[in-house]
Amino acid sequence: QVQLVESGGGLVQAGGSLRLSCAASLRPFSWYAMAWFRQAPGKEREFVAAISWSGGSRYYADSVKGRFTISRDNDKNTVYLQMNSLKPEDTAVYYCAADLSRSTILTMVQYDYDYWGQGTQVTVSS
């Protein structure tokens, strides 16, 4: 049973920072690309960032480029999302996801991801 468990969400003022973590039970974790998505109330789930199995390739949505950083620690089976300069429009439930295809191409399409976490709430106040 594969589990992805997100943590680190919370309430923060605009301009502040948060660091999300996603602990994965995937083995071997280092084989798989990982990603973060988010879903705001009344909106579709949207792509935020993805990282290759090695961490050597990263891909960001335009809306977070320059403010968010995705990273991973394969020894800890964990992927992170460092979020800086947060805006009220970043308010959403954030999900991590795993792509088991072992493709060399990072994807922003949610249907390409095989496993999902339960999500962690991020609320940015103005």
C-alpha atoms as a PDB file:
ATOM      1  CA  GLN A   1       0.000   0.000   0.000  1.00  0.00           C
ATOM      2  CA  VAL A   2       1.595   3.220  -1.200  1.00  0.00           C
ATOM      3  CA  GLN A   3       1.112   6.206   1.070  1.00  0.00           C
ATOM      4  CA  LEU A   4       1.935   9.844   0.521  1.00  0.00           C
ATOM      5  CA  VAL A   5       1.541  12.020   3.617  1.00  0.00           C
ATOM      6  CA  GLU A   6       1.714  15.796   3.353  1.00  0.00           C
ATOM      7  CA  SER A   7       2.483  18.132   6.240  1.00  0.00           C
ATOM      8  CA  GLY A   8       3.514  21.721   6.870  1.00  0.00           C
ATOM      9  CA  GLY A   9       0.382  23.582   5.840  1.00  0.00           C
ATOM     10  CA  GLY A  10      -1.151  26.338   7.916  1.00  0.00           C
ATOM     11  CA  LEU A  11      -2.202  29.959   8.103  1.00  0.00           C
ATOM     12  CA  VAL A  12       0.298  32.629   7.051  1.00  0.00           C
ATOM     13  CA  GLN A  13       0.142  36.316   6.198  1.00  0.00           C
ATOM     14  CA  ALA A  14       0.713  37.541   2.675  1.00  0.00           C
ATOM     15  CA  GLY A  15       4.431  37.808   1.983  1.00  0.00           C
ATOM     16  CA  GLY A  16       5.235  34.999   4.380  1.00  0.00           C
ATOM     17  CA  SER A  17       6.692  31.541   3.807  1.00  0.00           C
ATOM     18  CA  LEU A  18       5.786  27.927   4.384  1.00  0.00           C
ATOM     19  CA  ARG A  19       7.559  24.651   3.689  1.00  0.00           C
ATOM     20  CA  LEU A  20       5.451  21.646   2.785  1.00  0.00           C
ATOM     21  CA  SER A  21       6.735  18.091   3.113  1.00  0.00           C
ATOM     22  CA  CYS A  22       5.483  14.862   1.589  1.00  0.00           C
ATOM     23  CA  ALA A  23       6.695  11.589   3.057  1.00  0.00           C
ATOM     24  CA  ALA A  24       6.325   8.648   0.694  1.00  0.00           C
ATOM     25  CA  SER A  25       6.219   4.931   1.346  1.00  0.00           C
ATOM     26  CA  LEU A  26       7.225   4.301  -2.285  1.00  0.00           C
ATOM     27  CA  ARG A  27      10.191   1.995  -2.718  1.00  0.00           C
ATOM     28  CA  PRO A  28      12.506   2.739  -4.298  1.00  0.00           C
ATOM     29  CA  PHE A  29      11.490   6.386  -3.919  1.00  0.00           C
ATOM     30  CA  SER A  30      14.409   7.545  -6.047  1.00  0.00           C
ATOM     31  CA  TRP A  31      12.925   5.918  -9.172  1.00  0.00           C
ATOM     32  CA  TYR A  32       9.908   8.195  -9.451  1.00  0.00           C
ATOM     33  CA  ALA A  33       9.098  11.744 -10.427  1.00  0.00           C
ATOM     34  CA  MET A  34       7.066  13.664  -7.873  1.00  0.00           C
ATOM     35  CA  ALA A  35       4.843  16.715  -8.080  1.00  0.00           C
ATOM     36  CA  TRP A  36       2.735  19.161  -6.135  1.00  0.00           C
ATOM     37  CA  PHE A  37      -0.762  20.211  -7.157  1.00  0.00           C
ATOM     38  CA  ARG A  38      -3.272  22.466  -5.444  1.00  0.00           C
ATOM     39  CA  GLN A  39      -7.001  22.993  -5.410  1.00  0.00           C
ATOM     40  CA  ALA A  40      -8.698  26.180  -4.291  1.00  0.00           C
ATOM     41  CA  PRO A  41     -12.384  26.221  -3.260  1.00  0.00           C
ATOM     42  CA  GLY A  42     -14.631  26.060  -6.303  1.00  0.00           C
ATOM     43  CA  LYS A  43     -11.721  25.586  -8.691  1.00  0.00           C
ATOM     44  CA  GLU A  44     -10.134  22.713 -10.586  1.00  0.00           C
ATOM     45  CA  ARG A  45      -7.011  21.050  -9.238  1.00  0.00           C
ATOM     46  CA  GLU A  46      -3.984  22.696 -10.835  1.00  0.00           C
ATOM     47  CA  PHE A  47      -0.333  21.837 -11.294  1.00  0.00           C
ATOM     48  CA  VAL A  48       2.224  23.644  -9.122  1.00  0.00           C
ATOM     49  CA  ALA A  49       5.618  21.972  -9.564  1.00  0.00           C
ATOM     50  CA  ALA A  50       7.298  18.694 -10.506  1.00  0.00           C
ATOM     51  CA  ILE A  51      10.719  17.184  -9.924  1.00  0.00           C
ATOM     52  CA  SER A  52      12.514  14.322 -11.655  1.00  0.00           C
ATOM     53  CA  TRP A  53      13.679  11.175  -9.869  1.00  0.00           C
ATOM     54  CA  SER A  54      17.187  12.596  -9.397  1.00  0.00           C
ATOM     55  CA  GLY A  55      16.126  16.148  -8.649  1.00  0.00           C
ATOM     56  CA  GLY A  56      18.036  17.312 -11.692  1.00  0.00           C
ATOM     57  CA  SER A  57      14.957  18.554 -13.558  1.00  0.00           C
ATOM     58  CA  ARG A  58      12.251  20.779 -12.128  1.00  0.00           C
ATOM     59  CA  TYR A  59       9.187  22.303 -13.698  1.00  0.00           C
ATOM     60  CA  TYR A  60       6.951  25.056 -12.326  1.00  0.00           C
ATOM     61  CA  ALA A  61       3.632  26.621 -13.102  1.00  0.00           C
ATOM     62  CA  ASP A  62       4.028  30.211 -14.255  1.00  0.00           C
ATOM     63  CA  SER A  63       1.991  31.413 -11.283  1.00  0.00           C
ATOM     64  CA  VAL A  64       4.595  30.190  -8.770  1.00  0.00           C
ATOM     65  CA  LYS A  65       7.831  30.498 -10.734  1.00  0.00           C
ATOM     66  CA  GLY A  66      10.416  32.463  -8.790  1.00  0.00           C
ATOM     67  CA  ARG A  67       8.516  32.086  -5.494  1.00  0.00           C
ATOM     68  CA  PHE A  68       8.224  28.322  -4.947  1.00  0.00           C
ATOM     69  CA  THR A  69      10.985  25.707  -4.979  1.00  0.00           C
ATOM     70  CA  ILE A  70      10.467  21.964  -5.222  1.00  0.00           C
ATOM     71  CA  SER A  71      13.162  19.649  -3.904  1.00  0.00           C
ATOM     72  CA  ARG A  72      13.587  16.076  -2.719  1.00  0.00           C
ATOM     73  CA  ASP A  73      15.678  14.020  -0.339  1.00  0.00           C
ATOM     74  CA  ASN A  74      15.808  10.467  -1.647  1.00  0.00           C
ATOM     75  CA  ASP A  75      17.461   9.211   1.529  1.00  0.00           C
ATOM     76  CA  LYS A  76      14.438  10.408   3.515  1.00  0.00           C
ATOM     77  CA  ASN A  77      11.835   9.457   0.875  1.00  0.00           C
ATOM     78  CA  THR A  78      10.519  12.985   1.058  1.00  0.00           C
ATOM     79  CA  VAL A  79       9.663  15.748  -1.393  1.00  0.00           C
ATOM     80  CA  TYR A  80       9.399  19.380  -0.316  1.00  0.00           C
ATOM     81  CA  LEU A  81       7.769  22.567  -1.522  1.00  0.00           C
ATOM     82  CA  GLN A  82       9.308  25.776  -0.214  1.00  0.00           C
ATOM     83  CA  MET A  83       6.814  28.591  -0.702  1.00  0.00           C
ATOM     84  CA  ASN A  84       7.987  32.192  -0.362  1.00  0.00           C
ATOM     85  CA  SER A  85       6.294  35.536  -0.989  1.00  0.00           C
ATOM     86  CA  LEU A  86       2.920  33.909  -0.507  1.00  0.00           C
ATOM     87  CA  LYS A  87      -0.179  35.597  -1.877  1.00  0.00           C
ATOM     88  CA  PRO A  88      -3.848  35.203  -0.931  1.00  0.00           C
ATOM     89  CA  GLU A  89      -4.408  33.513  -4.290  1.00  0.00           C
ATOM     90  CA  ASP A  90      -2.063  30.720  -3.175  1.00  0.00           C
ATOM     91  CA  THR A  91      -4.725  29.630  -0.678  1.00  0.00           C
ATOM     92  CA  ALA A  92      -5.636  26.018  -1.479  1.00  0.00           C
ATOM     93  CA  VAL A  93      -5.306  22.413  -0.424  1.00  0.00           C
ATOM     94  CA  TYR A  94      -1.896  21.225  -1.592  1.00  0.00           C
ATOM     95  CA  TYR A  95      -1.408  17.635  -2.732  1.00  0.00           C
ATOM     96  CA  CYS A  96       1.703  15.677  -3.547  1.00  0.00           C
ATOM     97  CA  ALA A  97       1.616  13.048  -6.256  1.00  0.00           C
ATOM     98  CA  ALA A  98       3.846  10.309  -7.648  1.00  0.00           C
ATOM     99  CA  ASP A  99       4.368   9.362 -11.293  1.00  0.00           C
ATOM    100  CA  LEU A 100       5.279   5.671 -11.550  1.00  0.00           C
ATOM    101  CA  SER A 101       5.802   5.686 -15.309  1.00  0.00           C
ATOM    102  CA  ARG A 102       9.560   6.366 -14.998  1.00  0.00           C
ATOM    103  CA  SER A 103       9.222   8.692 -17.961  1.00  0.00           C
ATOM    104  CA  THR A 104      12.125  11.073 -18.480  1.00  0.00           C
ATOM    105  CA  ILE A 105       9.655  13.859 -19.252  1.00  0.00           C
ATOM    106  CA  LEU A 106       8.041  15.736 -16.368  1.00  0.00           C
ATOM    107  CA  THR A 107       4.305  16.173 -16.747  1.00  0.00           C
ATOM    108  CA  MET A 108       1.868  18.752 -15.439  1.00  0.00           C
ATOM    109  CA  VAL A 109      -1.164  16.584 -16.244  1.00  0.00           C
ATOM    110  CA  GLN A 110      -2.784  15.260 -13.078  1.00  0.00           C
ATOM    111  CA  TYR A 111      -4.015  12.084 -14.786  1.00  0.00           C
ATOM    112  CA  ASP A 112      -0.399  11.067 -15.407  1.00  0.00           C
ATOM    113  CA  TYR A 113       0.142  10.695 -11.659  1.00  0.00           C
ATOM    114  CA  ASP A 114      -0.610   7.373 -10.021  1.00  0.00           C
ATOM    115  CA  TYR A 115      -0.683   8.071  -6.290  1.00  0.00           C
ATOM    116  CA  TRP A 116      -1.887  11.041  -4.295  1.00  0.00           C
ATOM    117  CA  GLY A 117      -1.701  12.251  -0.743  1.00  0.00           C
ATOM    118  CA  GLN A 118      -4.652  13.470   1.315  1.00  0.00           C
ATOM    119  CA  GLY A 119      -3.624  17.094   1.062  1.00  0.00           C
ATOM    120  CA  THR A 120      -2.625  19.866   3.449  1.00  0.00           C
ATOM    121  CA  GLN A 121      -4.420  23.198   3.751  1.00  0.00           C
ATOM    122  CA  VAL A 122      -2.530  26.420   3.067  1.00  0.00           C
ATOM    123  CA  THR A 123      -4.314  29.671   3.873  1.00  0.00           C
ATOM    124  CA  VAL A 124      -2.759  33.038   3.081  1.00  0.00           C
ATOM    125  CA  SER A 125      -4.390  36.061   4.685  1.00  0.00           C
ATOM    126  CA  SER A 126      -4.191  39.535   3.175  1.00  0.00           C
END
